[in-house]
Amino acid sequence: MRHLSIRSYERRKAVEYAHKWAYARNPAYLDFENIGGDCTNFASQCIFAGCGIMNYTPVYGWYYTSSYNRTASWTGVNYLYDFLINNNGPGPFAQVTDAEHAEPGDIAQVSFSDSKRFDHSPVIVDTGNPSGRDGILVAAHTFDTDYYRLMDFEPSFIRFLHIIGTRL
């Protein structure tokens, strides 16, 4: 089995990208706003800005080359979660953490219902003061925001994806 080297996730680059594109659309990517929402596409763009590596594994990887050549994990809330938590190949990988250990550049996924089906993937841009859920600020698409208080989404459930690093 081939061992991949690991490099740090560049959180600063992910957050800078989030601020730059929170209220605009990068023309290199399709805007999915009218076909299910653009939040996870935006989150993936931010993660890519911080890692620089895509995983081109068909079906189960994480990549975008065009609107017709991409994986579900690039644009789907729960597919992104599955990829980041289970990825042992190239690209970013993550673990679930709590609000107190979330960092800028991580992803907060929220559920707006009692079903625990997650619906939205904002990018954490600041963990604020106090630490924990009440201090976290995010940037997102679909409901375009920057420096927005996570708890103002009034989520039923939240899970935090801490990006650990990137495998090369």
N, C-alpha and C. Protein backbone atom coordinates (compact mmCIF):
# COMPACT_ATOMS: atom_id res chain seq x y z
N MET A 1 0.84 -1.19 0.00
CA MET A 1 0.00 0.00 0.00
C MET A 1 0.88 1.25 0.00
N ARG A 2 0.57 2.18 -0.85
CA ARG A 2 1.33 3.42 -0.98
C ARG A 2 0.94 4.39 0.12
N HIS A 3 1.92 4.97 0.79
CA HIS A 3 1.64 5.95 1.83
C HIS A 3 1.75 7.35 1.24
N LEU A 4 0.74 8.14 1.48
CA LEU A 4 0.72 9.50 0.97
C LEU A 4 1.29 10.44 2.03
N SER A 5 2.02 11.45 1.58
CA SER A 5 2.50 12.44 2.54
C SER A 5 1.36 13.40 2.88
N ILE A 6 1.48 14.02 4.03
CA ILE A 6 0.44 14.93 4.51
C ILE A 6 1.03 16.32 4.66
N ARG A 7 0.27 17.30 4.21
CA ARG A 7 0.70 18.68 4.44
C ARG A 7 -0.42 19.42 5.15
N SER A 8 -0.05 20.51 5.77
CA SER A 8 -1.01 21.31 6.54
C SER A 8 -2.06 21.93 5.64
N TYR A 9 -3.24 22.06 6.18
CA TYR A 9 -4.33 22.79 5.54
C TYR A 9 -4.08 24.27 5.78
N GLU A 10 -4.08 25.06 4.73
CA GLU A 10 -3.80 26.49 4.85
C GLU A 10 -5.10 27.25 5.12
N ARG A 11 -5.44 27.29 6.39
CA ARG A 11 -6.70 27.90 6.84
C ARG A 11 -6.83 29.35 6.40
N ARG A 12 -5.73 30.07 6.49
CA ARG A 12 -5.77 31.49 6.12
C ARG A 12 -6.22 31.65 4.67
N LYS A 13 -5.72 30.81 3.77
CA LYS A 13 -6.12 30.89 2.36
C LYS A 13 -7.59 30.55 2.17
N ALA A 14 -8.07 29.56 2.91
CA ALA A 14 -9.49 29.19 2.82
C ALA A 14 -10.38 30.35 3.27
N VAL A 15 -10.00 30.99 4.37
CA VAL A 15 -10.79 32.11 4.90
C VAL A 15 -10.70 33.33 3.99
N GLU A 16 -9.53 33.61 3.45
CA GLU A 16 -9.40 34.73 2.50
C GLU A 16 -10.29 34.51 1.29
N TYR A 17 -10.32 33.29 0.78
CA TYR A 17 -11.19 32.96 -0.35
C TYR A 17 -12.65 33.17 0.04
N ALA A 18 -13.02 32.72 1.22
CA ALA A 18 -14.41 32.88 1.68
C ALA A 18 -14.81 34.35 1.72
N HIS A 19 -13.94 35.20 2.25
CA HIS A 19 -14.26 36.63 2.29
C HIS A 19 -14.35 37.22 0.88
N LYS A 20 -13.45 36.82 0.00
CA LYS A 20 -13.42 37.37 -1.36
C LYS A 20 -14.69 37.04 -2.14
N TRP A 21 -15.21 35.81 -1.97
CA TRP A 21 -16.31 35.34 -2.81
C TRP A 21 -17.64 35.18 -2.08
N ALA A 22 -17.75 35.62 -0.83
CA ALA A 22 -18.99 35.44 -0.07
C ALA A 22 -20.20 36.09 -0.74
N TYR A 23 -20.00 37.24 -1.34
CA TYR A 23 -21.12 37.97 -1.96
C TYR A 23 -21.01 38.00 -3.48
N ALA A 24 -20.18 37.14 -4.04
CA ALA A 24 -20.00 37.08 -5.49
C ALA A 24 -19.82 35.62 -5.89
N ARG A 25 -19.68 35.37 -7.17
CA ARG A 25 -19.47 34.02 -7.69
C ARG A 25 -18.19 33.98 -8.50
N ASN A 26 -17.35 33.01 -8.21
CA ASN A 26 -16.14 32.80 -8.99
C ASN A 26 -16.57 32.23 -10.34
N PRO A 27 -16.25 32.90 -11.45
CA PRO A 27 -16.71 32.43 -12.76
C PRO A 27 -16.12 31.08 -13.18
N ALA A 28 -15.12 30.58 -12.46
CA ALA A 28 -14.55 29.27 -12.78
C ALA A 28 -15.47 28.13 -12.37
N TYR A 29 -16.52 28.44 -11.59
CA TYR A 29 -17.44 27.42 -11.08
C TYR A 29 -18.87 27.79 -11.42
N LEU A 30 -19.68 26.78 -11.73
CA LEU A 30 -21.10 27.01 -11.94
C LEU A 30 -21.74 27.45 -10.63
N ASP A 31 -22.70 28.35 -10.71
CA ASP A 31 -23.50 28.76 -9.55
C ASP A 31 -24.68 27.79 -9.46
N PHE A 32 -24.74 27.03 -8.39
CA PHE A 32 -25.79 26.02 -8.21
C PHE A 32 -27.00 26.57 -7.45
N GLU A 33 -27.06 27.88 -7.29
CA GLU A 33 -28.11 28.53 -6.52
C GLU A 33 -29.52 28.07 -6.92
N ASN A 34 -29.78 27.98 -8.21
CA ASN A 34 -31.12 27.64 -8.68
C ASN A 34 -31.33 26.15 -8.93
N ILE A 35 -30.36 25.35 -8.59
CA ILE A 35 -30.50 23.89 -8.77
C ILE A 35 -30.09 23.16 -7.49
N GLY A 36 -30.66 23.61 -6.38
CA GLY A 36 -30.43 22.93 -5.11
C GLY A 36 -29.64 23.71 -4.10
N GLY A 37 -28.98 24.77 -4.51
CA GLY A 37 -28.21 25.59 -3.59
C GLY A 37 -26.72 25.55 -3.88
N ASP A 38 -26.04 26.62 -3.51
CA ASP A 38 -24.63 26.78 -3.83
C ASP A 38 -23.72 26.67 -2.60
N CYS A 39 -24.28 26.37 -1.45
CA CYS A 39 -23.49 26.44 -0.22
C CYS A 39 -22.32 25.46 -0.19
N THR A 40 -22.54 24.22 -0.59
CA THR A 40 -21.47 23.23 -0.50
C THR A 40 -20.47 23.40 -1.63
N ASN A 41 -20.92 23.88 -2.79
CA ASN A 41 -20.00 24.25 -3.86
C ASN A 41 -19.05 25.33 -3.34
N PHE A 42 -19.59 26.35 -2.67
CA PHE A 42 -18.77 27.42 -2.10
C PHE A 42 -17.84 26.87 -1.02
N ALA A 43 -18.35 26.02 -0.14
CA ALA A 43 -17.51 25.42 0.91
C ALA A 43 -16.36 24.63 0.28
N SER A 44 -16.66 23.86 -0.77
CA SER A 44 -15.61 23.09 -1.45
C SER A 44 -14.57 24.01 -2.08
N GLN A 45 -15.01 25.10 -2.68
CA GLN A 45 -14.06 26.06 -3.24
C GLN A 45 -13.13 26.60 -2.16
N CYS A 46 -13.68 26.91 -1.00
CA CYS A 46 -12.87 27.43 0.11
C CYS A 46 -11.88 26.38 0.59
N ILE A 47 -12.35 25.15 0.75
CA ILE A 47 -11.46 24.06 1.16
C ILE A 47 -10.34 23.89 0.13
N PHE A 48 -10.71 23.91 -1.15
CA PHE A 48 -9.70 23.76 -2.21
C PHE A 48 -8.68 24.90 -2.16
N ALA A 49 -9.13 26.11 -1.85
CA ALA A 49 -8.20 27.24 -1.72
C ALA A 49 -7.18 26.98 -0.61
N GLY A 50 -7.59 26.24 0.41
CA GLY A 50 -6.71 25.94 1.53
C GLY A 50 -5.89 24.67 1.39
N CYS A 51 -6.23 23.84 0.40
CA CYS A 51 -5.48 22.57 0.27
C CYS A 51 -4.83 22.40 -1.10
N GLY A 52 -5.46 22.91 -2.15
CA GLY A 52 -4.87 22.85 -3.48
C GLY A 52 -4.84 21.49 -4.15
N ILE A 53 -5.47 20.49 -3.55
CA ILE A 53 -5.46 19.13 -4.10
C ILE A 53 -6.90 18.63 -4.21
N MET A 54 -7.26 18.12 -5.38
CA MET A 54 -8.54 17.45 -5.55
C MET A 54 -8.29 15.95 -5.57
N ASN A 55 -9.33 15.19 -5.34
CA ASN A 55 -9.25 13.73 -5.41
C ASN A 55 -10.10 13.31 -6.60
N TYR A 56 -9.44 12.83 -7.66
CA TYR A 56 -10.12 12.52 -8.91
C TYR A 56 -10.65 11.09 -8.98
N THR A 57 -10.84 10.45 -7.85
CA THR A 57 -11.43 9.12 -7.83
C THR A 57 -12.87 9.21 -8.32
N PRO A 58 -13.23 8.46 -9.38
CA PRO A 58 -14.61 8.52 -9.87
C PRO A 58 -15.61 8.18 -8.76
N VAL A 59 -16.69 8.87 -8.75
CA VAL A 59 -17.83 8.69 -7.85
C VAL A 59 -17.52 9.10 -6.41
N TYR A 60 -16.49 8.52 -5.79
CA TYR A 60 -16.26 8.74 -4.37
C TYR A 60 -15.20 9.78 -4.06
N GLY A 61 -14.61 10.39 -5.08
CA GLY A 61 -13.60 11.41 -4.85
C GLY A 61 -14.22 12.76 -4.54
N TRP A 62 -13.44 13.80 -4.77
CA TRP A 62 -13.87 15.18 -4.50
C TRP A 62 -13.18 16.07 -5.52
N TYR A 63 -13.92 16.43 -6.56
CA TYR A 63 -13.32 17.28 -7.59
C TYR A 63 -14.39 18.02 -8.38
N TYR A 64 -13.92 19.06 -9.06
CA TYR A 64 -14.76 19.85 -9.96
C TYR A 64 -13.86 20.28 -11.10
N THR A 65 -14.18 19.87 -12.32
CA THR A 65 -13.50 20.40 -13.50
C THR A 65 -14.47 21.16 -14.38
N SER A 66 -15.76 20.82 -14.27
CA SER A 66 -16.83 21.55 -14.96
C SER A 66 -18.15 21.15 -14.30
N SER A 67 -19.20 21.83 -14.70
CA SER A 67 -20.51 21.49 -14.12
C SER A 67 -20.93 20.06 -14.46
N TYR A 68 -20.37 19.51 -15.53
CA TYR A 68 -20.70 18.15 -15.94
C TYR A 68 -19.67 17.12 -15.51
N ASN A 69 -18.55 17.59 -14.97
CA ASN A 69 -17.48 16.69 -14.55
C ASN A 69 -17.07 17.05 -13.12
N ARG A 70 -17.83 16.52 -12.19
CA ARG A 70 -17.62 16.80 -10.77
C ARG A 70 -18.20 15.64 -9.98
N THR A 71 -17.85 15.59 -8.72
CA THR A 71 -18.43 14.57 -7.84
C THR A 71 -19.54 15.18 -7.01
N ALA A 72 -20.41 14.31 -6.52
CA ALA A 72 -21.50 14.75 -5.63
C ALA A 72 -20.94 15.38 -4.36
N SER A 73 -19.76 14.95 -3.94
CA SER A 73 -19.17 15.49 -2.71
C SER A 73 -18.77 16.96 -2.87
N TRP A 74 -18.59 17.43 -4.09
CA TRP A 74 -18.24 18.84 -4.29
C TRP A 74 -19.43 19.74 -3.98
N THR A 75 -20.63 19.27 -4.24
CA THR A 75 -21.81 20.14 -4.12
C THR A 75 -22.87 19.65 -3.13
N GLY A 76 -22.76 18.46 -2.62
CA GLY A 76 -23.79 17.91 -1.73
C GLY A 76 -23.35 17.90 -0.28
N VAL A 77 -24.18 18.44 0.59
CA VAL A 77 -23.85 18.57 2.02
C VAL A 77 -23.39 17.24 2.61
N ASN A 78 -24.22 16.23 2.53
CA ASN A 78 -23.89 14.96 3.18
C ASN A 78 -22.80 14.19 2.44
N TYR A 79 -22.71 14.37 1.13
CA TYR A 79 -21.62 13.74 0.38
C TYR A 79 -20.27 14.35 0.74
N LEU A 80 -20.24 15.68 0.96
CA LEU A 80 -18.99 16.31 1.40
C LEU A 80 -18.57 15.75 2.75
N TYR A 81 -19.52 15.64 3.65
CA TYR A 81 -19.23 15.06 4.97
C TYR A 81 -18.62 13.66 4.80
N ASP A 82 -19.29 12.81 4.03
CA ASP A 82 -18.80 11.44 3.84
C ASP A 82 -17.39 11.42 3.27
N PHE A 83 -17.14 12.29 2.28
CA PHE A 83 -15.81 12.32 1.69
C PHE A 83 -14.76 12.74 2.72
N LEU A 84 -14.98 13.87 3.39
CA LEU A 84 -13.97 14.40 4.31
C LEU A 84 -13.69 13.45 5.47
N ILE A 85 -14.71 12.81 5.99
CA ILE A 85 -14.54 11.91 7.14
C ILE A 85 -13.87 10.60 6.73
N ASN A 86 -14.14 10.13 5.53
CA ASN A 86 -13.65 8.81 5.10
C ASN A 86 -12.47 8.84 4.14
N ASN A 87 -12.03 10.01 3.72
CA ASN A 87 -10.99 10.08 2.70
C ASN A 87 -9.64 9.58 3.23
N ASN A 88 -9.12 8.56 2.57
CA ASN A 88 -7.77 8.06 2.84
C ASN A 88 -6.85 8.27 1.65
N GLY A 89 -7.39 8.90 0.60
CA GLY A 89 -6.61 9.16 -0.60
C GLY A 89 -6.17 10.61 -0.66
N PRO A 90 -5.81 11.07 -1.85
CA PRO A 90 -5.38 12.46 -2.01
C PRO A 90 -6.49 13.44 -1.64
N GLY A 91 -6.08 14.62 -1.21
CA GLY A 91 -7.03 15.68 -0.90
C GLY A 91 -7.24 15.87 0.58
N PRO A 92 -8.17 16.75 0.92
CA PRO A 92 -8.40 17.08 2.32
C PRO A 92 -9.08 15.94 3.07
N PHE A 93 -8.85 15.91 4.37
CA PHE A 93 -9.54 14.95 5.24
C PHE A 93 -9.85 15.64 6.56
N ALA A 94 -10.89 15.15 7.24
CA ALA A 94 -11.39 15.85 8.42
C ALA A 94 -11.87 14.87 9.47
N GLN A 95 -12.17 15.43 10.63
CA GLN A 95 -12.83 14.68 11.69
C GLN A 95 -13.90 15.57 12.29
N VAL A 96 -14.91 14.94 12.86
CA VAL A 96 -15.95 15.69 13.55
C VAL A 96 -15.36 16.21 14.85
N THR A 97 -15.67 17.46 15.17
CA THR A 97 -15.19 18.06 16.41
C THR A 97 -16.35 18.80 17.06
N ASP A 98 -16.08 19.41 18.19
CA ASP A 98 -17.11 20.23 18.83
C ASP A 98 -16.83 21.70 18.55
N ALA A 99 -17.76 22.54 18.91
CA ALA A 99 -17.66 23.97 18.60
C ALA A 99 -16.41 24.60 19.21
N GLU A 100 -16.03 24.15 20.39
CA GLU A 100 -14.87 24.73 21.07
C GLU A 100 -13.55 24.43 20.36
N HIS A 101 -13.52 23.39 19.54
CA HIS A 101 -12.29 23.02 18.83
C HIS A 101 -12.34 23.34 17.34
N ALA A 102 -13.44 23.90 16.88
CA ALA A 102 -13.53 24.32 15.48
C ALA A 102 -12.61 25.52 15.26
N GLU A 103 -12.08 25.62 14.04
CA GLU A 103 -11.15 26.69 13.70
C GLU A 103 -11.59 27.36 12.40
N PRO A 104 -11.12 28.58 12.17
CA PRO A 104 -11.38 29.21 10.87
C PRO A 104 -10.89 28.30 9.74
N GLY A 105 -11.71 28.19 8.70
CA GLY A 105 -11.42 27.30 7.58
C GLY A 105 -12.12 25.97 7.69
N ASP A 106 -12.63 25.64 8.87
CA ASP A 106 -13.42 24.42 9.06
C ASP A 106 -14.83 24.64 8.52
N ILE A 107 -15.60 23.58 8.47
CA ILE A 107 -16.97 23.63 7.95
C ILE A 107 -17.95 23.32 9.07
N ALA A 108 -19.00 24.13 9.18
CA ALA A 108 -20.10 23.85 10.10
C ALA A 108 -21.28 23.42 9.23
N GLN A 109 -21.78 22.24 9.44
CA GLN A 109 -22.96 21.79 8.68
C GLN A 109 -24.17 21.85 9.59
N VAL A 110 -25.24 22.47 9.09
CA VAL A 110 -26.42 22.68 9.91
C VAL A 110 -27.64 21.96 9.34
N SER A 111 -28.50 21.58 10.26
CA SER A 111 -29.79 20.99 9.93
C SER A 111 -30.87 21.96 10.37
N PHE A 112 -31.84 22.19 9.51
CA PHE A 112 -32.94 23.10 9.84
C PHE A 112 -34.19 22.35 10.28
N SER A 113 -34.09 21.03 10.41
CA SER A 113 -35.26 20.24 10.80
C SER A 113 -34.88 19.29 11.93
N ASP A 114 -35.86 18.63 12.47
CA ASP A 114 -35.60 17.68 13.54
C ASP A 114 -35.17 16.31 13.03
N SER A 115 -35.02 16.17 11.72
CA SER A 115 -34.69 14.86 11.14
C SER A 115 -33.20 14.55 11.17
N LYS A 116 -32.38 15.50 11.57
CA LYS A 116 -30.92 15.37 11.53
C LYS A 116 -30.39 15.18 10.11
N ARG A 117 -31.18 15.62 9.13
CA ARG A 117 -30.69 15.68 7.75
C ARG A 117 -30.03 17.04 7.60
N PHE A 118 -28.76 17.05 7.26
CA PHE A 118 -28.03 18.31 7.21
C PHE A 118 -28.26 19.00 5.87
N ASP A 119 -28.45 20.32 5.93
CA ASP A 119 -28.95 21.09 4.79
C ASP A 119 -28.01 22.18 4.28
N HIS A 120 -27.02 22.58 5.06
CA HIS A 120 -26.26 23.78 4.74
C HIS A 120 -24.82 23.62 5.21
N SER A 121 -23.86 24.16 4.44
CA SER A 121 -22.43 24.00 4.75
C SER A 121 -21.70 25.34 4.80
N PRO A 122 -21.94 26.17 5.80
CA PRO A 122 -21.17 27.41 5.90
C PRO A 122 -19.71 27.15 6.31
N VAL A 123 -18.85 28.08 5.92
CA VAL A 123 -17.42 28.02 6.23
C VAL A 123 -17.15 28.90 7.44
N ILE A 124 -16.46 28.37 8.41
CA ILE A 124 -16.12 29.15 9.61
C ILE A 124 -15.01 30.14 9.26
N VAL A 125 -15.26 31.42 9.52
CA VAL A 125 -14.26 32.46 9.24
C VAL A 125 -13.68 33.05 10.52
N ASP A 126 -14.35 32.85 11.65
CA ASP A 126 -13.86 33.35 12.93
C ASP A 126 -14.53 32.54 14.03
N THR A 127 -13.78 32.24 15.08
CA THR A 127 -14.36 31.51 16.20
C THR A 127 -14.75 32.43 17.34
N GLY A 128 -14.40 33.70 17.23
CA GLY A 128 -14.91 34.73 18.12
C GLY A 128 -14.67 34.55 19.59
N ASN A 129 -15.33 35.42 20.30
CA ASN A 129 -15.27 35.42 21.75
C ASN A 129 -16.67 35.73 22.24
N PRO A 130 -17.35 34.86 22.94
CA PRO A 130 -16.80 33.66 23.57
C PRO A 130 -16.58 32.53 22.57
N SER A 131 -15.72 31.59 22.97
CA SER A 131 -15.54 30.42 22.11
C SER A 131 -16.80 29.56 22.22
N GLY A 132 -16.97 28.70 21.27
CA GLY A 132 -18.17 27.87 21.24
C GLY A 132 -19.15 28.37 20.21
N ARG A 133 -20.29 27.76 20.17
CA ARG A 133 -21.29 28.04 19.13
C ARG A 133 -21.64 29.52 19.02
N ASP A 134 -21.80 30.19 20.13
CA ASP A 134 -22.26 31.59 20.09
C ASP A 134 -21.24 32.54 19.49
N GLY A 135 -19.96 32.17 19.49
CA GLY A 135 -18.94 33.05 18.95
C GLY A 135 -18.55 32.79 17.51
N ILE A 136 -19.04 31.71 16.93
CA ILE A 136 -18.61 31.32 15.58
C ILE A 136 -19.28 32.18 14.52
N LEU A 137 -18.44 32.71 13.63
CA LEU A 137 -18.91 33.50 12.49
C LEU A 137 -18.58 32.73 11.22
N VAL A 138 -19.48 32.82 10.24
CA VAL A 138 -19.34 32.04 9.01
C VAL A 138 -19.53 32.89 7.77
N ALA A 139 -19.08 32.34 6.65
CA ALA A 139 -19.39 32.85 5.31
C ALA A 139 -20.10 31.73 4.57
N ALA A 140 -21.02 32.09 3.69
CA ALA A 140 -21.78 31.05 2.98
C ALA A 140 -22.39 31.60 1.71
N HIS A 141 -22.76 30.68 0.83
CA HIS A 141 -23.60 30.98 -0.33
C HIS A 141 -24.98 30.38 -0.09
N THR A 142 -25.88 30.62 -1.01
CA THR A 142 -27.30 30.29 -1.00
C THR A 142 -28.03 31.35 -0.18
N PHE A 143 -27.64 31.52 1.05
CA PHE A 143 -28.00 32.71 1.81
C PHE A 143 -26.66 33.41 1.98
N ASP A 144 -26.32 34.31 1.03
CA ASP A 144 -24.98 34.88 0.98
C ASP A 144 -24.69 35.68 2.24
N THR A 145 -23.60 35.30 2.91
CA THR A 145 -23.23 35.93 4.16
C THR A 145 -21.72 35.94 4.32
N ASP A 146 -21.25 36.85 5.16
CA ASP A 146 -19.87 36.87 5.61
C ASP A 146 -19.87 37.45 7.02
N TYR A 147 -19.05 36.92 7.86
CA TYR A 147 -19.02 37.30 9.29
C TYR A 147 -20.42 37.20 9.90
N TYR A 148 -21.14 36.17 9.55
CA TYR A 148 -22.51 35.95 10.01
C TYR A 148 -22.48 35.01 11.21
N ARG A 149 -23.22 35.35 12.24
CA ARG A 149 -23.28 34.50 13.44
C ARG A 149 -23.95 33.17 13.10
N LEU A 150 -23.22 32.08 13.31
CA LEU A 150 -23.74 30.74 12.99
C LEU A 150 -25.09 30.49 13.65
N MET A 151 -25.24 30.88 14.89
CA MET A 151 -26.48 30.59 15.61
C MET A 151 -27.67 31.40 15.08
N ASP A 152 -27.41 32.43 14.28
CA ASP A 152 -28.51 33.19 13.68
C ASP A 152 -29.22 32.41 12.58
N PHE A 153 -28.63 31.30 12.13
CA PHE A 153 -29.33 30.40 11.21
C PHE A 153 -30.45 29.65 11.93
N GLU A 154 -30.43 29.67 13.25
CA GLU A 154 -31.39 28.95 14.10
C GLU A 154 -31.44 27.47 13.74
N PRO A 155 -30.27 26.82 13.76
CA PRO A 155 -30.23 25.40 13.38
C PRO A 155 -30.83 24.50 14.45
N SER A 156 -31.37 23.38 14.00
CA SER A 156 -31.82 22.34 14.93
C SER A 156 -30.63 21.51 15.41
N PHE A 157 -29.69 21.25 14.48
CA PHE A 157 -28.49 20.48 14.79
C PHE A 157 -27.32 21.10 14.03
N ILE A 158 -26.13 20.95 14.59
CA ILE A 158 -24.89 21.41 13.94
C ILE A 158 -23.84 20.32 14.10
N ARG A 159 -23.07 20.09 13.04
CA ARG A 159 -21.87 19.27 13.18
C ARG A 159 -20.70 20.08 12.61
N PHE A 160 -19.56 19.92 13.23
CA PHE A 160 -18.37 20.67 12.84
C PHE A 160 -17.35 19.72 12.24
N LEU A 161 -16.87 20.06 11.05
CA LEU A 161 -15.86 19.27 10.36
C LEU A 161 -14.53 20.00 10.46
N HIS A 162 -13.63 19.43 11.23
CA HIS A 162 -12.30 20.01 11.41
C HIS A 162 -11.37 19.43 10.35
N ILE A 163 -10.91 20.28 9.44
CA ILE A 163 -10.01 19.83 8.38
C ILE A 163 -8.64 19.59 9.03
N ILE A 164 -8.18 18.36 9.00
CA ILE A 164 -6.92 18.00 9.65
C ILE A 164 -5.73 18.34 8.76
N GLY A 165 -5.84 18.04 7.48
CA GLY A 165 -4.74 18.28 6.56
C GLY A 165 -5.11 17.82 5.16
N THR A 166 -4.07 17.70 4.33
CA THR A 166 -4.24 17.31 2.94
C THR A 166 -3.24 16.22 2.61
N ARG A 167 -3.73 15.15 2.03
CA ARG A 167 -2.82 14.09 1.57
C ARG A 167 -2.42 14.38 0.12
N LEU A 168 -1.15 14.16 -0.16
CA LEU A 168 -0.62 14.40 -1.50
C LEU A 168 -0.40 13.10 -2.24
